[in-house]
Amino acid sequence: MFQKGANWKGNRHGRPKAGKSLAEFIRVKTKNGREIAQYYYQVWHDPKEPTEMRMKAAEKLEFRAFGRYAQPVTGDSAEPVSIVLRTNVDPFCRPEE
């Protein structure tokens, strides 16, 4: 089948890596998010847009620039604290209620 010493020009780098993550794909396609931020900025500055849409755009810009605000943990200090973390790997799936 293969000749000893023959130069085989197959896939020298091995099997290709799995596809890039969705987040990485979006970063590449939107110039690291600049186009998304520009869109939010345009919506925020457009007086023809409904106020609700402008407020949502302003909130997105705020979170992008300054991060989300801290969420305080409240309750009885004598009681143990439990945190429930729900992850959703399917962007089209709705979380169970």
N, C-alpha and C. Protein backbone atom coordinates (compact mmCIF):
# COMPACT_ATOMS: atom_id res chain seq x y z
N MET A 1 0.83 -1.18 0.00
CA MET A 1 0.00 0.00 0.00
C MET A 1 0.88 1.25 0.00
N PHE A 2 1.66 1.50 1.04
CA PHE A 2 2.55 2.66 1.09
C PHE A 2 3.97 2.17 0.82
N GLN A 3 4.66 2.89 0.00
CA GLN A 3 6.05 2.55 -0.29
C GLN A 3 6.95 3.12 0.80
N LYS A 4 7.86 2.32 1.29
CA LYS A 4 8.78 2.78 2.31
C LYS A 4 9.63 3.92 1.76
N GLY A 5 9.70 5.03 2.51
CA GLY A 5 10.49 6.18 2.10
C GLY A 5 9.78 7.11 1.12
N ALA A 6 8.59 6.73 0.70
CA ALA A 6 7.85 7.59 -0.24
C ALA A 6 7.28 8.80 0.51
N ASN A 7 7.21 9.93 -0.17
CA ASN A 7 6.69 11.15 0.42
C ASN A 7 5.16 11.15 0.29
N TRP A 8 4.51 10.92 1.38
CA TRP A 8 3.04 10.90 1.37
C TRP A 8 2.53 12.29 1.73
N LYS A 9 1.68 12.87 0.90
CA LYS A 9 1.21 14.24 1.10
C LYS A 9 -0.22 14.25 1.61
N GLY A 10 -0.46 13.52 2.64
CA GLY A 10 -1.80 13.48 3.23
C GLY A 10 -2.02 14.63 4.17
N ASN A 11 -2.81 14.42 5.16
CA ASN A 11 -3.13 15.45 6.14
C ASN A 11 -2.02 15.48 7.19
N ARG A 12 -1.01 16.28 6.96
CA ARG A 12 0.16 16.31 7.84
C ARG A 12 -0.14 16.89 9.22
N HIS A 13 -1.13 17.73 9.32
CA HIS A 13 -1.44 18.38 10.58
C HIS A 13 -2.45 17.60 11.40
N GLY A 14 -2.83 16.44 10.93
CA GLY A 14 -3.78 15.62 11.66
C GLY A 14 -5.21 16.07 11.44
N ARG A 15 -6.07 15.49 12.22
CA ARG A 15 -7.49 15.79 12.10
C ARG A 15 -7.74 17.26 12.47
N PRO A 16 -8.55 17.97 11.71
CA PRO A 16 -8.82 19.38 12.05
C PRO A 16 -9.53 19.49 13.39
N LYS A 17 -9.29 20.58 14.08
CA LYS A 17 -9.92 20.82 15.37
C LYS A 17 -11.42 20.99 15.17
N ALA A 18 -12.15 20.76 16.24
CA ALA A 18 -13.60 20.93 16.18
C ALA A 18 -13.91 22.40 15.89
N GLY A 19 -15.13 22.65 15.45
CA GLY A 19 -15.53 24.02 15.10
C GLY A 19 -15.35 24.98 16.25
N LYS A 20 -15.21 26.24 15.93
CA LYS A 20 -15.02 27.27 16.95
C LYS A 20 -16.31 27.46 17.73
N SER A 21 -16.18 28.01 18.90
CA SER A 21 -17.35 28.25 19.73
C SER A 21 -18.22 29.34 19.10
N LEU A 22 -19.46 29.38 19.50
CA LEU A 22 -20.38 30.38 18.98
C LEU A 22 -19.92 31.78 19.36
N ALA A 23 -19.43 31.93 20.59
CA ALA A 23 -18.95 33.24 21.03
C ALA A 23 -17.78 33.71 20.17
N GLU A 24 -16.85 32.81 19.88
CA GLU A 24 -15.71 33.18 19.05
C GLU A 24 -16.15 33.53 17.63
N PHE A 25 -17.10 32.79 17.10
CA PHE A 25 -17.65 33.06 15.77
C PHE A 25 -18.25 34.47 15.72
N ILE A 26 -19.03 34.82 16.75
CA ILE A 26 -19.68 36.13 16.79
C ILE A 26 -18.63 37.24 16.92
N ARG A 27 -17.61 37.01 17.73
CA ARG A 27 -16.54 38.02 17.87
C ARG A 27 -15.87 38.29 16.53
N VAL A 28 -15.61 37.23 15.78
CA VAL A 28 -14.94 37.40 14.48
C VAL A 28 -15.85 38.14 13.51
N LYS A 29 -17.11 37.76 13.45
CA LYS A 29 -18.04 38.34 12.48
C LYS A 29 -18.44 39.77 12.81
N THR A 30 -18.30 40.19 14.07
CA THR A 30 -18.75 41.53 14.46
C THR A 30 -17.59 42.42 14.88
N LYS A 31 -16.39 42.10 14.40
CA LYS A 31 -15.19 42.89 14.73
C LYS A 31 -15.05 43.03 16.24
N ASN A 32 -15.06 41.89 16.90
CA ASN A 32 -14.93 41.81 18.36
C ASN A 32 -16.05 42.56 19.08
N GLY A 33 -17.23 42.58 18.49
CA GLY A 33 -18.40 43.18 19.12
C GLY A 33 -18.61 44.65 18.80
N ARG A 34 -17.69 45.25 18.05
CA ARG A 34 -17.82 46.68 17.74
C ARG A 34 -19.08 46.97 16.92
N GLU A 35 -19.40 46.11 15.98
CA GLU A 35 -20.59 46.35 15.14
C GLU A 35 -21.87 46.24 15.97
N ILE A 36 -21.88 45.34 16.93
CA ILE A 36 -23.06 45.21 17.81
C ILE A 36 -23.20 46.47 18.66
N ALA A 37 -22.10 46.93 19.23
CA ALA A 37 -22.14 48.14 20.05
C ALA A 37 -22.57 49.34 19.21
N GLN A 38 -22.10 49.42 17.97
CA GLN A 38 -22.47 50.52 17.08
C GLN A 38 -23.98 50.49 16.80
N TYR A 39 -24.52 49.28 16.60
CA TYR A 39 -25.96 49.14 16.36
C TYR A 39 -26.75 49.63 17.58
N TYR A 40 -26.35 49.20 18.78
CA TYR A 40 -27.03 49.65 19.99
C TYR A 40 -26.95 51.17 20.12
N TYR A 41 -25.80 51.73 19.79
CA TYR A 41 -25.61 53.18 19.86
C TYR A 41 -26.56 53.90 18.90
N GLN A 42 -26.70 53.38 17.69
CA GLN A 42 -27.59 54.00 16.71
C GLN A 42 -29.04 53.94 17.17
N VAL A 43 -29.44 52.81 17.74
CA VAL A 43 -30.82 52.69 18.25
C VAL A 43 -31.03 53.67 19.40
N TRP A 44 -30.08 53.76 20.29
CA TRP A 44 -30.18 54.64 21.45
C TRP A 44 -30.32 56.11 21.04
N HIS A 45 -29.62 56.52 19.97
CA HIS A 45 -29.64 57.92 19.54
C HIS A 45 -30.77 58.26 18.57
N ASP A 46 -31.51 57.28 18.12
CA ASP A 46 -32.56 57.52 17.12
C ASP A 46 -33.86 57.91 17.81
N PRO A 47 -34.29 59.16 17.70
CA PRO A 47 -35.53 59.58 18.37
C PRO A 47 -36.78 58.92 17.78
N LYS A 48 -36.66 58.35 16.60
CA LYS A 48 -37.81 57.68 15.98
C LYS A 48 -38.08 56.30 16.59
N GLU A 49 -37.09 55.74 17.25
CA GLU A 49 -37.25 54.43 17.89
C GLU A 49 -38.15 54.58 19.12
N PRO A 50 -38.93 53.55 19.44
CA PRO A 50 -39.74 53.61 20.66
C PRO A 50 -38.84 53.73 21.90
N THR A 51 -39.35 54.39 22.90
CA THR A 51 -38.58 54.61 24.13
C THR A 51 -38.11 53.30 24.74
N GLU A 52 -38.96 52.29 24.70
CA GLU A 52 -38.59 50.99 25.28
C GLU A 52 -37.36 50.41 24.58
N MET A 53 -37.32 50.51 23.26
CA MET A 53 -36.17 49.99 22.51
C MET A 53 -34.91 50.81 22.82
N ARG A 54 -35.08 52.12 22.94
CA ARG A 54 -33.93 52.97 23.25
C ARG A 54 -33.38 52.68 24.65
N MET A 55 -34.27 52.40 25.60
CA MET A 55 -33.83 52.06 26.95
C MET A 55 -33.10 50.71 26.97
N LYS A 56 -33.60 49.75 26.20
CA LYS A 56 -32.92 48.45 26.13
C LYS A 56 -31.54 48.60 25.50
N ALA A 57 -31.44 49.42 24.47
CA ALA A 57 -30.15 49.66 23.82
C ALA A 57 -29.19 50.35 24.80
N ALA A 58 -29.70 51.31 25.56
CA ALA A 58 -28.86 52.01 26.55
C ALA A 58 -28.37 51.03 27.61
N GLU A 59 -29.25 50.13 28.03
CA GLU A 59 -28.86 49.13 29.04
C GLU A 59 -27.77 48.20 28.49
N LYS A 60 -27.92 47.78 27.24
CA LYS A 60 -26.91 46.92 26.62
C LYS A 60 -25.57 47.64 26.53
N LEU A 61 -25.60 48.90 26.15
CA LEU A 61 -24.36 49.68 26.08
C LEU A 61 -23.73 49.83 27.47
N GLU A 62 -24.57 50.07 28.46
CA GLU A 62 -24.07 50.23 29.83
C GLU A 62 -23.39 48.94 30.30
N PHE A 63 -24.03 47.80 30.09
CA PHE A 63 -23.45 46.54 30.52
C PHE A 63 -22.16 46.24 29.75
N ARG A 64 -22.14 46.61 28.48
CA ARG A 64 -20.95 46.35 27.67
C ARG A 64 -19.78 47.22 28.14
N ALA A 65 -20.07 48.45 28.53
CA ALA A 65 -19.01 49.37 28.93
C ALA A 65 -18.57 49.17 30.38
N PHE A 66 -19.53 48.94 31.28
CA PHE A 66 -19.21 48.94 32.71
C PHE A 66 -19.43 47.59 33.39
N GLY A 67 -19.98 46.63 32.68
CA GLY A 67 -20.28 45.33 33.29
C GLY A 67 -21.60 45.38 34.03
N ARG A 68 -22.08 44.22 34.40
CA ARG A 68 -23.34 44.14 35.14
C ARG A 68 -23.11 44.56 36.58
N TYR A 69 -24.14 45.09 37.18
CA TYR A 69 -24.05 45.53 38.56
C TYR A 69 -24.04 44.32 39.50
N ALA A 70 -23.48 44.50 40.67
CA ALA A 70 -23.40 43.42 41.65
C ALA A 70 -24.79 43.10 42.19
N GLN A 71 -25.06 41.82 42.38
CA GLN A 71 -26.33 41.41 42.95
C GLN A 71 -26.09 41.02 44.40
N PRO A 72 -26.66 41.78 45.32
CA PRO A 72 -26.41 41.49 46.73
C PRO A 72 -27.08 40.18 47.15
N VAL A 73 -26.42 39.49 48.08
CA VAL A 73 -26.98 38.28 48.67
C VAL A 73 -27.59 38.68 50.00
N THR A 74 -28.88 38.45 50.15
CA THR A 74 -29.56 38.85 51.38
C THR A 74 -30.10 37.62 52.09
N GLY A 75 -30.40 37.79 53.33
CA GLY A 75 -30.97 36.70 54.11
C GLY A 75 -30.43 36.70 55.52
N ASP A 76 -30.81 35.69 56.26
CA ASP A 76 -30.37 35.55 57.64
C ASP A 76 -28.92 35.10 57.67
N SER A 77 -28.07 35.85 58.38
CA SER A 77 -26.64 35.52 58.40
C SER A 77 -26.36 34.23 59.17
N ALA A 78 -27.29 33.79 59.99
CA ALA A 78 -27.10 32.55 60.74
C ALA A 78 -27.40 31.32 59.89
N GLU A 79 -28.14 31.50 58.84
CA GLU A 79 -28.52 30.38 57.97
C GLU A 79 -27.48 30.20 56.86
N PRO A 80 -27.29 28.96 56.41
CA PRO A 80 -26.36 28.75 55.29
C PRO A 80 -26.93 29.33 53.99
N VAL A 81 -26.04 29.74 53.13
CA VAL A 81 -26.43 30.33 51.85
C VAL A 81 -26.29 29.26 50.77
N SER A 82 -27.29 29.17 49.93
CA SER A 82 -27.19 28.25 48.79
C SER A 82 -27.37 29.04 47.51
N ILE A 83 -26.62 28.67 46.52
CA ILE A 83 -26.67 29.34 45.22
C ILE A 83 -27.05 28.30 44.18
N VAL A 84 -28.04 28.61 43.38
CA VAL A 84 -28.47 27.73 42.30
C VAL A 84 -27.96 28.32 41.00
N LEU A 85 -27.15 27.56 40.31
CA LEU A 85 -26.58 28.02 39.04
C LEU A 85 -27.19 27.18 37.93
N ARG A 86 -27.88 27.84 37.02
CA ARG A 86 -28.48 27.14 35.88
C ARG A 86 -27.74 27.54 34.63
N THR A 87 -27.28 26.56 33.90
CA THR A 87 -26.60 26.84 32.64
C THR A 87 -27.46 26.32 31.50
N ASN A 88 -27.45 27.05 30.42
CA ASN A 88 -28.24 26.70 29.26
C ASN A 88 -27.29 26.62 28.08
N VAL A 89 -26.95 25.40 27.65
CA VAL A 89 -26.01 25.26 26.56
C VAL A 89 -26.67 25.36 25.21
N ASP A 90 -27.97 25.18 25.15
CA ASP A 90 -28.69 25.29 23.88
C ASP A 90 -29.33 26.67 23.82
N PRO A 91 -28.87 27.56 22.91
CA PRO A 91 -29.41 28.91 22.88
C PRO A 91 -30.88 28.98 22.51
N PHE A 92 -31.44 27.90 21.94
CA PHE A 92 -32.85 27.90 21.55
C PHE A 92 -33.73 27.20 22.56
N CYS A 93 -33.13 26.69 23.64
CA CYS A 93 -33.87 25.96 24.65
C CYS A 93 -34.33 26.92 25.74
N ARG A 94 -35.52 26.72 26.24
CA ARG A 94 -36.02 27.54 27.34
C ARG A 94 -35.75 26.80 28.65
N PRO A 95 -35.34 27.53 29.69
CA PRO A 95 -35.06 26.87 30.96
C PRO A 95 -36.34 26.29 31.55
N GLU A 96 -36.17 25.20 32.26
CA GLU A 96 -37.32 24.57 32.91
C GLU A 96 -37.76 25.43 34.09
N GLU A 97 -39.05 25.49 34.30
CA GLU A 97 -39.55 26.31 35.40
C GLU A 97 -39.99 25.44 36.54
